[in-house]
């Protein structure tokens, strides 16, 4: 196992003049780490967020998921985003669970362009 240097999104944002208005997270089980490292951005900058949750990978290397099952992950994620004023819109499951998360104040259609996934 190799350790790769990393930086929190919140730290990176302090080094940029302007934070992008969208972000995508596909990190093979480290979703909680990335989300917890993005709390200021979620609260202040309000980007659109695409997330691919990997429930089967979460507990291999990430002790913050200890005790959670794959079935616990989706409600945890939806609640986490709601705590920051986001609506998490489920798109689809294949080998991972895909969501688009919009700030509550957004009027964007989360299914624009992917109408076939509309619930």
Protein backbone atom coordinates (compact mmCIF):
# COMPACT_ATOMS: atom_id res chain seq x y z
CA UNK A 1 0.00 0.00 0.00
CA UNK A 2 1.39 3.33 -1.03
CA UNK A 3 0.67 6.62 0.72
CA UNK A 4 -0.09 9.45 -1.66
CA UNK A 5 0.24 13.06 -0.49
CA UNK A 6 -3.08 14.84 -0.31
CA UNK A 7 -4.60 18.18 0.56
CA UNK A 8 -8.08 19.08 1.81
CA UNK A 9 -10.30 20.88 -0.71
CA UNK A 10 -10.92 23.54 1.94
CA UNK A 11 -7.15 24.17 2.16
CA UNK A 12 -6.81 24.23 -1.62
CA UNK A 13 -9.66 26.72 -1.88
CA UNK A 14 -7.78 29.20 0.34
CA UNK A 15 -4.94 29.13 -2.19
CA UNK A 16 -7.13 29.86 -5.22
CA UNK A 17 -8.54 33.22 -6.21
CA UNK A 18 -11.89 31.65 -6.99
CA UNK A 19 -13.27 28.20 -6.28
CA UNK A 20 -14.91 26.39 -9.23
CA UNK A 21 -18.71 26.23 -9.20
CA UNK A 22 -18.76 22.44 -9.59
CA UNK A 23 -16.82 19.48 -8.26
CA UNK A 24 -16.86 15.75 -8.85
CA UNK A 25 -15.87 13.10 -6.32
CA UNK A 26 -14.99 9.59 -7.45
CA UNK A 27 -12.42 8.35 -4.97
CA UNK A 28 -12.99 4.61 -4.57
CA UNK A 29 -14.15 4.58 -0.96
CA UNK A 30 -12.62 7.79 0.42
CA UNK A 31 -15.83 9.80 -0.06
CA UNK A 32 -16.19 10.64 3.64
CA UNK A 33 -12.64 11.99 3.75
CA UNK A 34 -13.19 14.20 0.72
CA UNK A 35 -16.57 15.45 1.92
CA UNK A 36 -15.25 16.22 5.40
CA UNK A 37 -12.35 18.05 3.78
CA UNK A 38 -14.78 20.17 1.75
CA UNK A 39 -17.07 21.46 4.48
CA UNK A 40 -16.15 25.15 4.11
CA UNK A 41 -16.57 24.96 0.34
CA UNK A 42 -19.96 23.30 0.68
CA UNK A 43 -21.09 25.86 3.23
CA UNK A 44 -19.70 29.00 1.56
CA UNK A 45 -19.04 28.42 -2.14
CA UNK A 46 -22.08 26.20 -2.88
CA UNK A 47 -20.76 24.25 -5.91
CA UNK A 48 -22.76 21.61 -7.73
CA UNK A 49 -21.35 18.26 -6.59
CA UNK A 50 -21.33 14.95 -8.43
CA UNK A 51 -20.47 11.98 -6.21
CA UNK A 52 -19.89 8.32 -6.97
CA UNK A 53 -20.29 6.36 -3.73
CA UNK A 54 -18.44 3.07 -3.50
CA UNK A 55 -20.13 1.24 -0.61
CA UNK A 56 -18.20 -1.99 -1.16
CA UNK A 57 -14.84 -0.20 -0.80
CA UNK A 58 -15.57 2.10 2.11
CA UNK A 59 -14.35 -0.01 4.99
CA UNK A 60 -11.13 -1.40 3.49
CA UNK A 61 -8.88 1.54 4.34
CA UNK A 62 -11.14 4.14 5.90
CA UNK A 63 -11.85 3.63 9.61
CA UNK A 64 -14.40 6.48 9.70
CA UNK A 65 -16.81 4.02 8.05
CA UNK A 66 -16.22 1.39 10.74
CA UNK A 67 -19.46 -0.26 11.78
CA UNK A 68 -21.42 0.95 8.76
CA UNK A 69 -22.85 -1.40 6.18
CA UNK A 70 -23.27 -0.64 2.49
CA UNK A 71 -26.95 0.01 3.23
CA UNK A 72 -25.97 2.67 5.80
CA UNK A 73 -23.85 4.65 3.36
CA UNK A 74 -26.56 6.17 1.15
CA UNK A 75 -28.66 7.58 4.04
CA UNK A 76 -25.48 8.88 5.72
CA UNK A 77 -24.49 10.63 2.50
CA UNK A 78 -27.93 12.16 1.88
CA UNK A 79 -28.05 13.40 5.50
CA UNK A 80 -24.49 14.76 5.33
CA UNK A 81 -25.32 16.79 2.23
CA UNK A 82 -28.62 17.98 3.74
CA UNK A 83 -26.71 19.26 6.77
CA UNK A 84 -24.88 21.60 4.36
CA UNK A 85 -28.05 22.69 2.58
CA UNK A 86 -27.84 20.33 -0.39
CA UNK A 87 -30.37 18.03 -2.00
CA UNK A 88 -28.76 14.75 -3.10
CA UNK A 89 -30.49 13.43 -6.21
CA UNK A 90 -29.91 9.74 -6.92
CA UNK A 91 -29.01 9.05 -10.53
CA UNK A 92 -28.21 5.35 -10.80
CA UNK A 93 -26.44 2.31 -9.40
CA UNK A 94 -24.03 0.25 -11.39
CA UNK A 95 -20.87 -0.82 -9.56
CA UNK A 96 -21.18 2.43 -7.59
CA UNK A 97 -24.01 4.81 -6.65
CA UNK A 98 -24.12 8.09 -8.57
CA UNK A 99 -25.61 11.32 -7.20
CA UNK A 100 -25.81 14.93 -8.24
CA UNK A 101 -26.08 17.32 -5.29
CA UNK A 102 -27.50 20.79 -5.71
CA UNK A 103 -27.60 23.59 -3.16
CA UNK A 104 -31.14 24.05 -1.85
CA UNK A 105 -31.28 27.51 -3.44
CA UNK A 106 -30.55 26.10 -6.91
CA UNK A 107 -33.34 25.98 -9.46
CA UNK A 108 -31.39 23.71 -11.82
CA UNK A 109 -33.02 20.49 -12.98
CA UNK A 110 -30.82 17.68 -11.62
CA UNK A 111 -31.96 15.38 -14.42
CA UNK A 112 -31.34 17.72 -17.35
CA UNK A 113 -29.51 15.68 -19.94
CA UNK A 114 -30.19 12.43 -18.11
CA UNK A 115 -33.97 12.43 -18.22
CA UNK A 116 -33.99 8.65 -18.60
CA UNK A 117 -32.72 8.44 -14.99
CA UNK A 118 -35.50 10.60 -13.59
CA UNK A 119 -37.27 8.74 -10.74
